[in-house]
Amino acid sequence: MSTEAFLPPELRGAGTTITKIAAGLSGAGVYRVEAAGQVFVLKIASDAEPIEAWRSRVAIQQAAATAGIAARVIHTDEARRAVVSAFVVDRSFPTLFWNPATRQSAIELLGQTIRKVHELPIPEGAQAKDARDFLGEIWGMLSGFTLPAFVGEAVARALAEDPPPRERSVVLCHNDINPSNLAYDGERLILLDWDTAGPNDPFVDLAAISVFLRMDEDTCGALLAAYDGAAAEAESPSFAYYRRLVAALCGSAFLGIARRRGHAGSTAEDALDLAAFYQQLRGGAVNIASADGQWAFGLALIKASLAL
């Protein structure tokens, strides 16, 4: 079946162009569609995904779009498990964040947007997945892969650390907030890729983006204050715990991707830290889409976990 068959009739035709963007971790195919003078995103889920999970994910994206924090859903095709969304022109949230003149407004926008995510209703029947259990699963899949010793140290520490008493109620989380899933349109912050959304501790989302953006203690406090709409309280044990755990989890996930892409692994300890990785990424010395780039990113996140 041609990819065009997954589009609604009004977007099909000789003037339609379809370009593959990526294949998601879930096995979904993601495509850029240019039709009728507009640009859209087509996402085709894997046939292996249970239909109830697909329906729940689409419902979450539709609710998020109504709240102004996800791309507008143009068309859904349950039989083919396809979703067509509006294309969001990204003006780079990281640029907004790293510019001293706009940094505070970027932090406020980020905190307020995450708050809107957490105010969305949790779909009936949605199952929470503990981040530590997920790390354990990924670590098991990395068995036999050649890794530097510090990776095992970071993962062992994260798996051995018991979570502190829960400070906040479980909410609907995006569960994959990183710079590649943030699109800033000049006014709003739009979250992309809702595949992993589900019930979780709110600190999971807050901790994840704080790690990816290398936030220091003061910036973390400003993020939490923007999220709560009030001055940040004393340092949260849960927030600190999830920063360590999420960094180890995301780092391990990227190492797993690198392995599946054919990376041979290595025991070399001279891995880049996040700052150096981002610098090389901006300069073109690292390609995040390659196995080598994913390996380097995974190790940088693991190093960040150890430093927290």
C-alpha atoms as a PDB file:
ATOM      1  CA  MET A   1       0.000   0.000   0.000  1.00  0.00           C
ATOM      2  CA  SER A   2       1.325   3.439  -0.912  1.00  0.00           C
ATOM      3  CA  THR A   3       1.910   5.933   1.867  1.00  0.00           C
ATOM      4  CA  GLU A   4      -0.507   8.344   0.170  1.00  0.00           C
ATOM      5  CA  ALA A   5      -3.348   5.904   0.950  1.00  0.00           C
ATOM      6  CA  PHE A   6      -2.982   6.831   4.632  1.00  0.00           C
ATOM      7  CA  LEU A   7      -3.947  10.442   3.883  1.00  0.00           C
ATOM      8  CA  PRO A   8      -7.494  11.826   3.701  1.00  0.00           C
ATOM      9  CA  PRO A   9      -8.793  12.138   0.098  1.00  0.00           C
ATOM     10  CA  GLU A  10      -8.406  15.920  -0.001  1.00  0.00           C
ATOM     11  CA  LEU A  11      -4.634  15.633   0.586  1.00  0.00           C
ATOM     12  CA  ARG A  12      -4.011  13.050  -2.137  1.00  0.00           C
ATOM     13  CA  GLY A  13      -3.083  13.891  -5.692  1.00  0.00           C
ATOM     14  CA  ALA A  14      -0.345  14.640  -8.186  1.00  0.00           C
ATOM     15  CA  GLY A  15       0.803  17.689  -6.236  1.00  0.00           C
ATOM     16  CA  THR A  16       1.313  15.800  -2.976  1.00  0.00           C
ATOM     17  CA  THR A  17       4.866  15.029  -1.856  1.00  0.00           C
ATOM     18  CA  ILE A  18       5.680  12.696   1.023  1.00  0.00           C
ATOM     19  CA  THR A  19       9.114  12.532   2.657  1.00  0.00           C
ATOM     20  CA  LYS A  20      10.062  10.171   5.462  1.00  0.00           C
ATOM     21  CA  ILE A  21      11.325  12.019   8.516  1.00  0.00           C
ATOM     22  CA  ALA A  22      12.078   9.214  10.941  1.00  0.00           C
ATOM     23  CA  ALA A  23      11.065   5.889  12.393  1.00  0.00           C
ATOM     24  CA  GLY A  24      10.083   6.224  16.036  1.00  0.00           C
ATOM     25  CA  LEU A  25      11.203   3.922  18.831  1.00  0.00           C
ATOM     26  CA  SER A  26       7.730   2.394  18.820  1.00  0.00           C
ATOM     27  CA  GLY A  27       8.177   1.381  15.188  1.00  0.00           C
ATOM     28  CA  ALA A  28       5.953   4.178  13.890  1.00  0.00           C
ATOM     29  CA  GLY A  29       6.827   5.823  10.598  1.00  0.00           C
ATOM     30  CA  VAL A  30       6.821   9.624  10.519  1.00  0.00           C
ATOM     31  CA  TYR A  31       6.475  11.562   7.255  1.00  0.00           C
ATOM     32  CA  ARG A  32       6.404  15.169   6.083  1.00  0.00           C
ATOM     33  CA  VAL A  33       3.488  15.756   3.733  1.00  0.00           C
ATOM     34  CA  GLU A  34       3.187  18.747   1.433  1.00  0.00           C
ATOM     35  CA  ALA A  35      -0.256  19.060  -0.081  1.00  0.00           C
ATOM     36  CA  ALA A  36      -2.760  21.764  -1.008  1.00  0.00           C
ATOM     37  CA  GLY A  37      -0.139  24.426  -0.335  1.00  0.00           C
ATOM     38  CA  GLN A  38       0.322  23.332   3.270  1.00  0.00           C
ATOM     39  CA  VAL A  39       2.619  21.080   5.290  1.00  0.00           C
ATOM     40  CA  PHE A  40       1.455  18.245   7.523  1.00  0.00           C
ATOM     41  CA  VAL A  41       2.945  15.373   9.523  1.00  0.00           C
ATOM     42  CA  LEU A  42       1.738  11.815   8.943  1.00  0.00           C
ATOM     43  CA  LYS A  43       2.423   9.224  11.626  1.00  0.00           C
ATOM     44  CA  ILE A  44       1.692   5.572  10.922  1.00  0.00           C
ATOM     45  CA  ALA A  45       1.767   3.322  13.971  1.00  0.00           C
ATOM     46  CA  SER A  46       3.303  -0.126  13.985  1.00  0.00           C
ATOM     47  CA  ASP A  47       0.905  -2.992  13.306  1.00  0.00           C
ATOM     48  CA  ALA A  48       2.180  -4.521  16.538  1.00  0.00           C
ATOM     49  CA  GLU A  49       0.744  -1.702  18.657  1.00  0.00           C
ATOM     50  CA  PRO A  50      -2.483  -2.752  20.421  1.00  0.00           C
ATOM     51  CA  ILE A  51      -5.433  -0.783  19.085  1.00  0.00           C
ATOM     52  CA  GLU A  52      -6.532   0.341  22.554  1.00  0.00           C
ATOM     53  CA  ALA A  53      -3.086   1.828  23.161  1.00  0.00           C
ATOM     54  CA  TRP A  54      -3.292   3.643  19.815  1.00  0.00           C
ATOM     55  CA  ARG A  55      -6.725   5.047  20.633  1.00  0.00           C
ATOM     56  CA  SER A  56      -5.535   6.235  24.041  1.00  0.00           C
ATOM     57  CA  ARG A  57      -2.486   7.937  22.526  1.00  0.00           C
ATOM     58  CA  VAL A  58      -4.576   9.712  19.893  1.00  0.00           C
ATOM     59  CA  ALA A  59      -7.076  10.855  22.528  1.00  0.00           C
ATOM     60  CA  ILE A  60      -4.225  12.301  24.595  1.00  0.00           C
ATOM     61  CA  GLN A  61      -2.804  14.166  21.594  1.00  0.00           C
ATOM     62  CA  GLN A  62      -6.240  15.545  20.721  1.00  0.00           C
ATOM     63  CA  ALA A  63      -6.774  16.752  24.289  1.00  0.00           C
ATOM     64  CA  ALA A  64      -3.300  18.312  24.308  1.00  0.00           C
ATOM     65  CA  ALA A  65      -3.998  20.018  20.971  1.00  0.00           C
ATOM     66  CA  THR A  66      -7.210  21.482  22.384  1.00  0.00           C
ATOM     67  CA  ALA A  67      -5.139  22.808  25.286  1.00  0.00           C
ATOM     68  CA  GLY A  68      -2.732  24.423  22.795  1.00  0.00           C
ATOM     69  CA  ILE A  69       0.275  22.287  23.682  1.00  0.00           C
ATOM     70  CA  ALA A  70       0.278  19.749  20.822  1.00  0.00           C
ATOM     71  CA  ALA A  71      -0.011  19.981  17.059  1.00  0.00           C
ATOM     72  CA  ARG A  72      -3.592  20.138  15.803  1.00  0.00           C
ATOM     73  CA  VAL A  73      -4.902  16.751  14.669  1.00  0.00           C
ATOM     74  CA  ILE A  74      -6.203  17.013  11.092  1.00  0.00           C
ATOM     75  CA  HIS A  75      -7.218  13.418  10.395  1.00  0.00           C
ATOM     76  CA  THR A  76      -7.239   9.992  12.047  1.00  0.00           C
ATOM     77  CA  ASP A  77      -7.622   6.601  10.382  1.00  0.00           C
ATOM     78  CA  GLU A  78      -8.126   3.878  12.969  1.00  0.00           C
ATOM     79  CA  ALA A  79      -8.169   1.037  10.458  1.00  0.00           C
ATOM     80  CA  ARG A  80      -4.694   2.029   9.246  1.00  0.00           C
ATOM     81  CA  ARG A  81      -3.575   3.497  12.608  1.00  0.00           C
ATOM     82  CA  ALA A  82      -2.609   6.760  10.987  1.00  0.00           C
ATOM     83  CA  VAL A  83      -2.722  10.313  12.287  1.00  0.00           C
ATOM     84  CA  VAL A  84      -2.234  13.481  10.244  1.00  0.00           C
ATOM     85  CA  SER A  85      -1.265  16.566  12.253  1.00  0.00           C
ATOM     86  CA  ALA A  86      -0.501  20.162  11.419  1.00  0.00           C
ATOM     87  CA  PHE A  87       3.190  20.906  10.892  1.00  0.00           C
ATOM     88  CA  VAL A  88       4.635  23.292  13.475  1.00  0.00           C
ATOM     89  CA  VAL A  89       7.376  25.628  12.257  1.00  0.00           C
ATOM     90  CA  ASP A  90      10.000  25.478  14.994  1.00  0.00           C
ATOM     91  CA  ARG A  91      11.845  28.681  15.899  1.00  0.00           C
ATOM     92  CA  SER A  92      14.108  26.821  18.354  1.00  0.00           C
ATOM     93  CA  PHE A  93      13.266  26.751  22.017  1.00  0.00           C
ATOM     94  CA  PRO A  94      16.914  26.031  22.974  1.00  0.00           C
ATOM     95  CA  THR A  95      17.904  29.314  21.308  1.00  0.00           C
ATOM     96  CA  LEU A  96      15.261  31.117  23.359  1.00  0.00           C
ATOM     97  CA  PHE A  97      16.480  29.343  26.503  1.00  0.00           C
ATOM     98  CA  TRP A  98      20.203  29.990  26.021  1.00  0.00           C
ATOM     99  CA  ASN A  99      19.807  33.650  25.083  1.00  0.00           C
ATOM    100  CA  PRO A 100      20.380  35.640  28.317  1.00  0.00           C
ATOM    101  CA  ALA A 101      17.858  38.260  27.175  1.00  0.00           C
ATOM    102  CA  THR A 102      15.042  35.692  26.846  1.00  0.00           C
ATOM    103  CA  ARG A 103      16.125  33.010  29.291  1.00  0.00           C
ATOM    104  CA  GLN A 104      13.685  33.885  32.064  1.00  0.00           C
ATOM    105  CA  SER A 105      10.718  34.087  29.706  1.00  0.00           C
ATOM    106  CA  ALA A 106      11.776  30.727  28.229  1.00  0.00           C
ATOM    107  CA  ILE A 107      11.850  29.125  31.688  1.00  0.00           C
ATOM    108  CA  GLU A 108       8.425  30.546  32.505  1.00  0.00           C
ATOM    109  CA  LEU A 109       6.984  29.309  29.206  1.00  0.00           C
ATOM    110  CA  LEU A 110       8.468  25.858  29.776  1.00  0.00           C
ATOM    111  CA  GLY A 111       7.158  25.547  33.332  1.00  0.00           C
ATOM    112  CA  GLN A 112       3.695  26.755  32.374  1.00  0.00           C
ATOM    113  CA  THR A 113       3.546  24.397  29.386  1.00  0.00           C
ATOM    114  CA  ILE A 114       4.494  21.369  31.464  1.00  0.00           C
ATOM    115  CA  ARG A 115       1.827  22.399  33.968  1.00  0.00           C
ATOM    116  CA  LYS A 116      -0.754  22.346  31.151  1.00  0.00           C
ATOM    117  CA  VAL A 117       0.379  18.828  30.234  1.00  0.00           C
ATOM    118  CA  HIS A 118      -0.141  17.688  33.805  1.00  0.00           C
ATOM    119  CA  GLU A 119      -3.608  19.234  33.926  1.00  0.00           C
ATOM    120  CA  LEU A 120      -4.839  17.002  31.093  1.00  0.00           C
ATOM    121  CA  PRO A 121      -7.153  14.165  32.176  1.00  0.00           C
ATOM    122  CA  ILE A 122      -5.655  10.703  32.600  1.00  0.00           C
ATOM    123  CA  PRO A 123      -7.419   8.368  30.140  1.00  0.00           C
ATOM    124  CA  GLU A 124      -9.451   5.568  31.655  1.00  0.00           C
ATOM    125  CA  GLY A 125      -7.412   2.398  31.915  1.00  0.00           C
ATOM    126  CA  ALA A 126      -4.063   4.138  31.380  1.00  0.00           C
ATOM    127  CA  GLN A 127      -1.278   2.258  33.119  1.00  0.00           C
ATOM    128  CA  ALA A 128       1.576   3.932  34.970  1.00  0.00           C
ATOM    129  CA  LYS A 129       5.093   2.656  34.291  1.00  0.00           C
ATOM    130  CA  ASP A 130       7.729   3.120  36.942  1.00  0.00           C
ATOM    131  CA  ALA A 131      10.852   4.767  35.522  1.00  0.00           C
ATOM    132  CA  ARG A 132      13.137   2.541  37.584  1.00  0.00           C
ATOM    133  CA  ASP A 133      11.421  -0.593  36.271  1.00  0.00           C
ATOM    134  CA  PHE A 134      11.799   0.745  32.730  1.00  0.00           C
ATOM    135  CA  LEU A 135      15.514   1.340  33.347  1.00  0.00           C
ATOM    136  CA  GLY A 136      15.811  -2.247  34.557  1.00  0.00           C
ATOM    137  CA  GLU A 137      14.227  -3.512  31.336  1.00  0.00           C
ATOM    138  CA  ILE A 138      16.548  -1.446  29.150  1.00  0.00           C
ATOM    139  CA  TRP A 139      19.586  -2.489  31.170  1.00  0.00           C
ATOM    140  CA  GLY A 140      18.631  -6.120  30.670  1.00  0.00           C
ATOM    141  CA  MET A 141      18.533  -5.560  26.907  1.00  0.00           C
ATOM    142  CA  LEU A 142      22.051  -4.089  27.068  1.00  0.00           C
ATOM    143  CA  SER A 143      23.418  -7.350  28.461  1.00  0.00           C
ATOM    144  CA  GLY A 144      26.530  -8.403  26.567  1.00  0.00           C
ATOM    145  CA  PHE A 145      27.087  -4.954  25.049  1.00  0.00           C
ATOM    146  CA  THR A 146      30.594  -3.583  25.592  1.00  0.00           C
ATOM    147  CA  LEU A 147      30.320  -0.461  27.786  1.00  0.00           C
ATOM    148  CA  PRO A 148      32.598   1.746  29.888  1.00  0.00           C
ATOM    149  CA  ALA A 149      32.615   0.819  33.577  1.00  0.00           C
ATOM    150  CA  PHE A 150      31.009   4.116  34.607  1.00  0.00           C
ATOM    151  CA  VAL A 151      27.800   3.173  32.750  1.00  0.00           C
ATOM    152  CA  GLY A 152      27.284   0.147  34.958  1.00  0.00           C
ATOM    153  CA  GLU A 153      28.060   2.230  38.040  1.00  0.00           C
ATOM    154  CA  ALA A 154      25.453   4.845  37.159  1.00  0.00           C
ATOM    155  CA  VAL A 155      22.764   2.304  36.334  1.00  0.00           C
ATOM    156  CA  ALA A 156      23.477   0.225  39.457  1.00  0.00           C
ATOM    157  CA  ARG A 157      23.180   3.341  41.613  1.00  0.00           C
ATOM    158  CA  ALA A 158      19.888   4.337  39.988  1.00  0.00           C
ATOM    159  CA  LEU A 159      18.410   0.855  40.343  1.00  0.00           C
ATOM    160  CA  ALA A 160      19.516   0.529  43.969  1.00  0.00           C
ATOM    161  CA  GLU A 161      18.175   3.902  45.075  1.00  0.00           C
ATOM    162  CA  ASP A 162      14.697   3.699  46.578  1.00  0.00           C
ATOM    163  CA  PRO A 163      12.411   6.587  45.633  1.00  0.00           C
ATOM    164  CA  PRO A 164      11.703   9.087  48.404  1.00  0.00           C
ATOM    165  CA  PRO A 165       8.138   9.428  49.724  1.00  0.00           C
ATOM    166  CA  ARG A 166       5.842  10.791  47.013  1.00  0.00           C
ATOM    167  CA  GLU A 167       5.478  14.557  47.259  1.00  0.00           C
ATOM    168  CA  ARG A 168       2.828  15.088  44.576  1.00  0.00           C
ATOM    169  CA  SER A 169      -0.102  13.216  43.066  1.00  0.00           C
ATOM    170  CA  VAL A 170       0.290  11.202  39.889  1.00  0.00           C
ATOM    171  CA  VAL A 171      -0.636  13.175  36.747  1.00  0.00           C
ATOM    172  CA  LEU A 172      -0.666  12.627  33.006  1.00  0.00           C
ATOM    173  CA  CYS A 173       2.965  13.043  31.925  1.00  0.00           C
ATOM    174  CA  HIS A 174       4.451  13.367  28.452  1.00  0.00           C
ATOM    175  CA  ASN A 175       7.300  11.099  29.628  1.00  0.00           C
ATOM    176  CA  ASP A 176       9.693  12.149  26.855  1.00  0.00           C
ATOM    177  CA  ILE A 177      10.281  15.887  27.222  1.00  0.00           C
ATOM    178  CA  ASN A 178      13.588  16.630  25.557  1.00  0.00           C
ATOM    179  CA  PRO A 179      14.660  19.429  23.182  1.00  0.00           C
ATOM    180  CA  SER A 180      13.854  17.385  20.065  1.00  0.00           C
ATOM    181  CA  ASN A 181      10.228  17.113  21.211  1.00  0.00           C
ATOM    182  CA  LEU A 182       9.806  20.853  21.825  1.00  0.00           C
ATOM    183  CA  ALA A 183       8.665  23.147  19.005  1.00  0.00           C
ATOM    184  CA  TYR A 184       8.507  26.879  19.709  1.00  0.00           C
ATOM    185  CA  ASP A 185       6.292  28.698  17.205  1.00  0.00           C
ATOM    186  CA  GLY A 186       7.168  32.182  18.414  1.00  0.00           C
ATOM    187  CA  GLU A 187       4.419  32.280  21.019  1.00  0.00           C
ATOM    188  CA  ARG A 188       3.564  28.794  22.207  1.00  0.00           C
ATOM    189  CA  LEU A 189       5.612  25.776  23.145  1.00  0.00           C
ATOM    190  CA  ILE A 190       4.274  22.696  21.374  1.00  0.00           C
ATOM    191  CA  LEU A 191       5.182  19.191  22.540  1.00  0.00           C
ATOM    192  CA  LEU A 192       5.735  16.557  19.864  1.00  0.00           C
ATOM    193  CA  ASP A 193       5.646  12.751  19.981  1.00  0.00           C
ATOM    194  CA  TRP A 194       3.087  11.730  22.611  1.00  0.00           C
ATOM    195  CA  ASP A 195       3.768   7.993  22.189  1.00  0.00           C
ATOM    196  CA  THR A 196       4.958   7.461  25.765  1.00  0.00           C
ATOM    197  CA  ALA A 197       2.446   9.736  27.513  1.00  0.00           C
ATOM    198  CA  GLY A 198       0.787   8.233  30.573  1.00  0.00           C
ATOM    199  CA  PRO A 199       0.348   8.505  34.354  1.00  0.00           C
ATOM    200  CA  ASN A 200       3.497   9.328  36.296  1.00  0.00           C
ATOM    201  CA  ASP A 201       5.029  11.475  38.984  1.00  0.00           C
ATOM    202  CA  PRO A 202       5.076  15.100  37.730  1.00  0.00           C
ATOM    203  CA  PHE A 203       8.748  15.353  38.625  1.00  0.00           C
ATOM    204  CA  VAL A 204       9.569  12.900  35.800  1.00  0.00           C
ATOM    205  CA  ASP A 205       8.831  15.505  33.106  1.00  0.00           C
ATOM    206  CA  LEU A 206      10.386  18.365  35.059  1.00  0.00           C
ATOM    207  CA  ALA A 207      13.520  16.392  35.847  1.00  0.00           C
ATOM    208  CA  ALA A 208      13.944  15.164  32.276  1.00  0.00           C
ATOM    209  CA  ILE A 209      14.010  18.578  30.629  1.00  0.00           C
ATOM    210  CA  SER A 210      16.192  19.994  33.402  1.00  0.00           C
ATOM    211  CA  VAL A 211      18.787  17.317  32.611  1.00  0.00           C
ATOM    212  CA  PHE A 212      18.653  17.750  28.840  1.00  0.00           C
ATOM    213  CA  LEU A 213      19.016  21.540  29.170  1.00  0.00           C
ATOM    214  CA  ARG A 214      21.813  21.205  31.767  1.00  0.00           C
ATOM    215  CA  MET A 215      19.995  23.359  34.310  1.00  0.00           C
ATOM    216  CA  ASP A 216      21.926  24.406  37.393  1.00  0.00           C
ATOM    217  CA  GLU A 217      20.334  24.617  40.845  1.00  0.00           C
ATOM    218  CA  ASP A 218      19.062  28.170  40.425  1.00  0.00           C
ATOM    219  CA  THR A 219      17.549  27.439  37.013  1.00  0.00           C
ATOM    220  CA  CYS A 220      15.871  24.301  38.359  1.00  0.00           C
ATOM    221  CA  GLY A 221      14.369  26.439  41.121  1.00  0.00           C
ATOM    222  CA  ALA A 222      13.100  28.924  38.537  1.00  0.00           C
ATOM    223  CA  LEU A 223      11.555  26.091  36.494  1.00  0.00           C
ATOM    224  CA  LEU A 224       9.731  24.678  39.513  1.00  0.00           C
ATOM    225  CA  ALA A 225       8.564  28.172  40.469  1.00  0.00           C
ATOM    226  CA  ALA A 226       7.198  28.722  36.946  1.00  0.00           C
ATOM    227  CA  TYR A 227       5.489  25.337  37.070  1.00  0.00           C
ATOM    228  CA  ASP A 228       3.881  26.018  40.452  1.00  0.00           C
ATOM    229  CA  GLY A 229       3.180  29.684  39.797  1.00  0.00           C
ATOM    230  CA  ALA A 230       4.900  30.507  43.081  1.00  0.00           C
ATOM    231  CA  ALA A 231       8.350  30.753  44.594  1.00  0.00           C
ATOM    232  CA  ALA A 232      10.140  27.413  44.680  1.00  0.00           C
ATOM    233  CA  GLU A 233      10.193  25.615  48.000  1.00  0.00           C
ATOM    234  CA  ALA A 234      13.233  23.965  49.533  1.00  0.00           C
ATOM    235  CA  GLU A 235      15.033  21.469  47.322  1.00  0.00           C
ATOM    236  CA  SER A 236      12.770  18.525  46.546  1.00  0.00           C
ATOM    237  CA  PRO A 237      14.176  15.019  47.247  1.00  0.00           C
ATOM    238  CA  SER A 238      11.861  13.619  44.558  1.00  0.00           C
ATOM    239  CA  PHE A 239      13.062  16.095  41.948  1.00  0.00           C
ATOM    240  CA  ALA A 240      16.709  15.277  42.732  1.00  0.00           C
ATOM    241  CA  TYR A 241      15.958  11.542  42.656  1.00  0.00           C
ATOM    242  CA  TYR A 242      14.262  11.709  39.265  1.00  0.00           C
ATOM    243  CA  ARG A 243      17.056  13.816  37.805  1.00  0.00           C
ATOM    244  CA  ARG A 244      19.533  11.019  38.551  1.00  0.00           C
ATOM    245  CA  LEU A 245      17.139   8.280  37.438  1.00  0.00           C
ATOM    246  CA  VAL A 246      15.922   9.912  34.215  1.00  0.00           C
ATOM    247  CA  ALA A 247      19.467  10.774  33.117  1.00  0.00           C
ATOM    248  CA  ALA A 248      20.502   7.131  33.558  1.00  0.00           C
ATOM    249  CA  LEU A 249      17.320   5.921  31.856  1.00  0.00           C
ATOM    250  CA  CYS A 250      17.613   8.193  28.815  1.00  0.00           C
ATOM    251  CA  GLY A 251      21.337   7.546  28.526  1.00  0.00           C
ATOM    252  CA  SER A 252      20.773   3.785  28.555  1.00  0.00           C
ATOM    253  CA  ALA A 253      17.990   4.145  25.971  1.00  0.00           C
ATOM    254  CA  PHE A 254      20.314   5.975  23.579  1.00  0.00           C
ATOM    255  CA  LEU A 255      22.999   3.330  24.081  1.00  0.00           C
ATOM    256  CA  GLY A 256      20.396   0.714  23.199  1.00  0.00           C
ATOM    257  CA  ILE A 257      19.495   2.609  20.020  1.00  0.00           C
ATOM    258  CA  ALA A 258      23.182   2.859  19.108  1.00  0.00           C
ATOM    259  CA  ARG A 259      23.549  -0.881  19.572  1.00  0.00           C
ATOM    260  CA  ARG A 260      20.560  -1.617  17.337  1.00  0.00           C
ATOM    261  CA  ARG A 261      22.046   0.716  14.725  1.00  0.00           C
ATOM    262  CA  GLY A 262      25.199  -1.382  14.676  1.00  0.00           C
ATOM    263  CA  HIS A 263      27.553   0.328  17.156  1.00  0.00           C
ATOM    264  CA  ALA A 264      30.148  -2.134  18.448  1.00  0.00           C
ATOM    265  CA  GLY A 265      30.454  -0.577  21.902  1.00  0.00           C
ATOM    266  CA  SER A 266      33.647   0.335  23.733  1.00  0.00           C
ATOM    267  CA  THR A 267      35.209   0.344  27.187  1.00  0.00           C
ATOM    268  CA  ALA A 268      36.859   3.746  26.640  1.00  0.00           C
ATOM    269  CA  GLU A 269      36.186   6.096  29.559  1.00  0.00           C
ATOM    270  CA  ASP A 270      36.871   9.374  27.709  1.00  0.00           C
ATOM    271  CA  ALA A 271      33.231  10.153  26.918  1.00  0.00           C
ATOM    272  CA  LEU A 272      32.003  13.676  26.205  1.00  0.00           C
ATOM    273  CA  ASP A 273      29.969  15.404  28.870  1.00  0.00           C
ATOM    274  CA  LEU A 274      26.676  17.037  27.848  1.00  0.00           C
ATOM    275  CA  ALA A 275      28.186  20.494  27.349  1.00  0.00           C
ATOM    276  CA  ALA A 276      30.902  19.154  25.042  1.00  0.00           C
ATOM    277  CA  PHE A 277      28.425  16.926  23.214  1.00  0.00           C
ATOM    278  CA  TYR A 278      26.088  19.832  22.476  1.00  0.00           C
ATOM    279  CA  GLN A 279      29.014  21.957  21.348  1.00  0.00           C
ATOM    280  CA  GLN A 280      30.096  19.284  18.874  1.00  0.00           C
ATOM    281  CA  LEU A 281      26.496  18.791  17.782  1.00  0.00           C
ATOM    282  CA  ARG A 282      26.108  22.493  16.987  1.00  0.00           C
ATOM    283  CA  GLY A 283      29.422  22.485  15.129  1.00  0.00           C
ATOM    284  CA  GLY A 284      28.465  19.483  13.011  1.00  0.00           C
ATOM    285  CA  ALA A 285      31.128  17.183  14.444  1.00  0.00           C
ATOM    286  CA  VAL A 286      28.444  14.855  15.826  1.00  0.00           C
ATOM    287  CA  ASN A 287      25.355  13.557  14.013  1.00  0.00           C
ATOM    288  CA  ILE A 288      22.624  12.644  16.492  1.00  0.00           C
ATOM    289  CA  ALA A 289      20.933  10.451  13.861  1.00  0.00           C
ATOM    290  CA  SER A 290      23.979   8.174  13.548  1.00  0.00           C
ATOM    291  CA  ALA A 291      24.955   5.240  15.750  1.00  0.00           C
ATOM    292  CA  ASP A 292      28.099   7.098  16.820  1.00  0.00           C
ATOM    293  CA  GLY A 293      26.076  10.175  17.723  1.00  0.00           C
ATOM    294  CA  GLN A 294      23.560   8.195  19.745  1.00  0.00           C
ATOM    295  CA  TRP A 295      26.399   6.381  21.513  1.00  0.00           C
ATOM    296  CA  ALA A 296      28.049   9.690  22.428  1.00  0.00           C
ATOM    297  CA  PHE A 297      24.743  11.195  23.577  1.00  0.00           C
ATOM    298  CA  GLY A 298      23.959   8.155  25.713  1.00  0.00           C
ATOM    299  CA  LEU A 299      27.324   8.287  27.448  1.00  0.00           C
ATOM    300  CA  ALA A 300      26.982  12.036  28.031  1.00  0.00           C
ATOM    301  CA  LEU A 301      23.624  11.510  29.737  1.00  0.00           C
ATOM    302  CA  ILE A 302      25.051   8.704  31.867  1.00  0.00           C
ATOM    303  CA  LYS A 303      27.865  11.017  32.955  1.00  0.00           C
ATOM    304  CA  ALA A 304      25.261  13.640  33.841  1.00  0.00           C
ATOM    305  CA  SER A 305      23.478  11.086  36.043  1.00  0.00           C
ATOM    306  CA  LEU A 306      26.680  10.345  37.950  1.00  0.00           C
ATOM    307  CA  ALA A 307      27.295  14.053  38.507  1.00  0.00           C
ATOM    308  CA  LEU A 308      23.869  14.672  40.066  1.00  0.00           C
END
